C-alpha atoms as a PDB file:
ATOM      1  CA  MET A   1      -5.283 -13.659 -16.605  1.00  0.00           C
ATOM      2  CA  VAL A   2      -7.612 -15.968 -14.944  1.00  0.00           C
ATOM      3  CA  LYS A   3      -9.268 -18.478 -17.535  1.00  0.00           C
ATOM      4  CA  ASN A   4     -11.863 -19.757 -14.587  1.00  0.00           C
ATOM      5  CA  HIS A   5     -14.680 -16.436 -14.714  1.00  0.00           C
ATOM      6  CA  ASN A   6     -16.460 -17.949 -11.921  1.00  0.00           C
ATOM      7  CA  LEU A   7     -13.399 -18.083  -9.590  1.00  0.00           C
ATOM      8  CA  ALA A   8     -11.603 -14.778 -10.781  1.00  0.00           C
ATOM      9  CA  LYS A   9     -12.056 -12.469  -8.266  1.00  0.00           C
ATOM     10  CA  SER A  10     -11.105 -14.876  -5.529  1.00  0.00           C
ATOM     11  CA  ILE A  11      -7.985 -15.807  -7.401  1.00  0.00           C
ATOM     12  CA  SER A  12      -6.197 -13.035  -8.081  1.00  0.00           C
ATOM     13  CA  GLU A  13      -7.026 -11.847  -4.068  1.00  0.00           C
ATOM     14  CA  ALA A  14      -5.463 -14.745  -3.208  1.00  0.00           C
ATOM     15  CA  SER A  15      -2.551 -14.165  -5.456  1.00  0.00           C
ATOM     16  CA  TRP A  16      -1.863 -10.156  -4.624  1.00  0.00           C
ATOM     17  CA  TYR A  17      -2.261 -11.560  -0.818  1.00  0.00           C
ATOM     18  CA  ARG A  18       0.615 -13.847  -1.235  1.00  0.00           C
ATOM     19  CA  PHE A  19       2.425 -11.500  -3.382  1.00  0.00           C
ATOM     20  CA  ARG A  20       1.824  -9.336  -0.246  1.00  0.00           C
ATOM     21  CA  GLU A  21       3.290 -11.581   1.925  1.00  0.00           C
ATOM     22  CA  TRP A  22       6.668 -12.493   0.269  1.00  0.00           C
ATOM     23  CA  LEU A  23       6.872  -8.425   0.010  1.00  0.00           C
ATOM     24  CA  GLU A  24       6.733  -7.867   3.518  1.00  0.00           C
ATOM     25  CA  SER A  25       8.743 -11.154   4.328  1.00  0.00           C
ATOM     26  CA  VAL A  26      11.719  -9.820   2.066  1.00  0.00           C
ATOM     27  CA  GLY A  27      11.239  -6.657   3.616  1.00  0.00           C
ATOM     28  CA  VAL A  28      11.957  -7.895   7.043  1.00  0.00           C
ATOM     29  CA  VAL A  29      15.031  -9.719   6.145  1.00  0.00           C
ATOM     30  CA  TYR A  30      16.830  -6.887   4.434  1.00  0.00           C
ATOM     31  CA  GLY A  31      15.312  -4.228   6.968  1.00  0.00           C
ATOM     32  CA  VAL A  32      13.210  -2.365   4.914  1.00  0.00           C
ATOM     33  CA  PRO A  33       9.312  -1.026   5.900  1.00  0.00           C
ATOM     34  CA  ILE A  34       7.056  -2.024   3.443  1.00  0.00           C
ATOM     35  CA  VAL A  35       4.139  -0.181   3.790  1.00  0.00           C
ATOM     36  CA  ALA A  36       0.557  -0.997   2.713  1.00  0.00           C
ATOM     37  CA  VAL A  37      -1.499   2.109   0.909  1.00  0.00           C
ATOM     38  CA  ASN A  38      -4.893   2.028  -0.051  1.00  0.00           C
ATOM     39  CA  PRO A  39      -4.807   3.148  -3.851  1.00  0.00           C
ATOM     40  CA  LYS A  40      -8.603   3.995  -3.889  1.00  0.00           C
ATOM     41  CA  TYR A  41      -9.029   7.699  -5.083  1.00  0.00           C
ATOM     42  CA  THR A  42      -5.598   8.301  -6.343  1.00  0.00           C
ATOM     43  CA  SER A  43      -5.896   8.777  -9.870  1.00  0.00           C
ATOM     44  CA  PRO A  44      -7.999  11.990  -9.599  1.00  0.00           C
ATOM     45  CA  ASN A  45      -6.381  13.769  -7.605  1.00  0.00           C
ATOM     46  CA  TYR A  46      -3.193  16.189  -8.723  1.00  0.00           C
ATOM     47  CA  SER A  47       0.174  15.139  -6.877  1.00  0.00           C
ATOM     48  CA  MET A  48       1.382  18.404  -6.484  1.00  0.00           C
ATOM     49  CA  CYS A  49      -1.369  20.443  -4.929  1.00  0.00           C
ATOM     50  CA  GLY A  50      -4.549  17.711  -4.547  1.00  0.00           C
ATOM     51  CA  GLN A  51      -6.759  19.555  -6.525  1.00  0.00           C
ATOM     52  CA  THR A  52      -9.318  16.903  -8.300  1.00  0.00           C
ATOM     53  CA  VAL A  53     -10.346  16.619 -11.481  1.00  0.00           C
ATOM     54  CA  VAL A  54     -12.869  14.602 -12.533  1.00  0.00           C
ATOM     55  CA  LYS A  55     -11.693  12.304 -15.540  1.00  0.00           C
ATOM     56  CA  THR A  56     -12.936   9.125 -17.474  1.00  0.00           C
ATOM     57  CA  LEU A  57     -10.903   5.239 -17.079  1.00  0.00           C
ATOM     58  CA  SER A  58     -10.278   5.969 -20.939  1.00  0.00           C
ATOM     59  CA  THR A  59      -8.064   8.792 -20.145  1.00  0.00           C
ATOM     60  CA  ARG A  60      -4.544   8.054 -20.132  1.00  0.00           C
ATOM     61  CA  THR A  61      -2.793  11.889 -19.953  1.00  0.00           C
ATOM     62  CA  HIS A  62      -4.323  14.450 -17.864  1.00  0.00           C
ATOM     63  CA  LYS A  63      -3.787  17.869 -18.149  1.00  0.00           C
ATOM     64  CA  PHE A  64      -4.342  20.210 -15.085  1.00  0.00           C
ATOM     65  CA  LEU A  65      -5.585  22.874 -16.532  1.00  0.00           C
ATOM     66  CA  HIS A  66      -5.272  25.323 -13.505  1.00  0.00           C
ATOM     67  CA  CYS A  67      -1.009  25.083 -13.899  1.00  0.00           C
ATOM     68  CA  CYS A  68      -1.060  23.816 -17.076  1.00  0.00           C
ATOM     69  CA  TYR A  69       1.084  21.333 -16.314  1.00  0.00           C
ATOM     70  CA  THR A  70       0.475  17.411 -17.910  1.00  0.00           C
ATOM     71  CA  VAL A  71       1.419  13.795 -16.680  1.00  0.00           C
ATOM     72  CA  ASP A  72       0.602  10.321 -17.456  1.00  0.00           C
ATOM     73  CA  GLY A  73      -2.029   8.999 -15.350  1.00  0.00           C
ATOM     74  CA  ASP A  74      -0.172   6.160 -13.780  1.00  0.00           C
ATOM     75  CA  GLU A  75       2.566   8.292 -12.877  1.00  0.00           C
ATOM     76  CA  ASN A  76       0.309  10.502 -11.298  1.00  0.00           C
ATOM     77  CA  ALA A  77      -1.513   8.006  -9.463  1.00  0.00           C
ATOM     78  CA  ALA A  78       2.133   6.670  -8.479  1.00  0.00           C
ATOM     79  CA  LEU A  79       2.619   9.994  -6.453  1.00  0.00           C
ATOM     80  CA  ASN A  80      -0.014   9.647  -4.954  1.00  0.00           C
ATOM     81  CA  ILE A  81       0.179   6.405  -3.484  1.00  0.00           C
ATOM     82  CA  PHE A  82       3.922   7.670  -2.430  1.00  0.00           C
ATOM     83  CA  LYS A  83       2.897  10.451  -0.928  1.00  0.00           C
ATOM     84  CA  LEU A  84       0.690   8.513   1.072  1.00  0.00           C
ATOM     85  CA  SER A  85       2.939   5.734   2.271  1.00  0.00           C
ATOM     86  CA  LEU A  86       5.387   8.532   3.439  1.00  0.00           C
ATOM     87  CA  LYS A  87       2.647   9.315   5.605  1.00  0.00           C
ATOM     88  CA  GLU A  88       1.827   6.193   7.088  1.00  0.00           C
END
């Protein structure tokens, strides 16, 4: 996305911050609370019981053997982020 490799991280961080500012201002206008959640370590935890399952980044489907449940990795992380936002 960003072609200047020397500034790519700075440009991306500034863009995400600007998007967050815009999202928060729209939330204020419509009366919807916007909560920023740190997504760190949301992927390895199972969204239903919180058990940690170690996997590689290339693993897209997560199989939880203790309960025989299979879920997409992005869906699992999204559910974990949603639960963290409710705690805030």
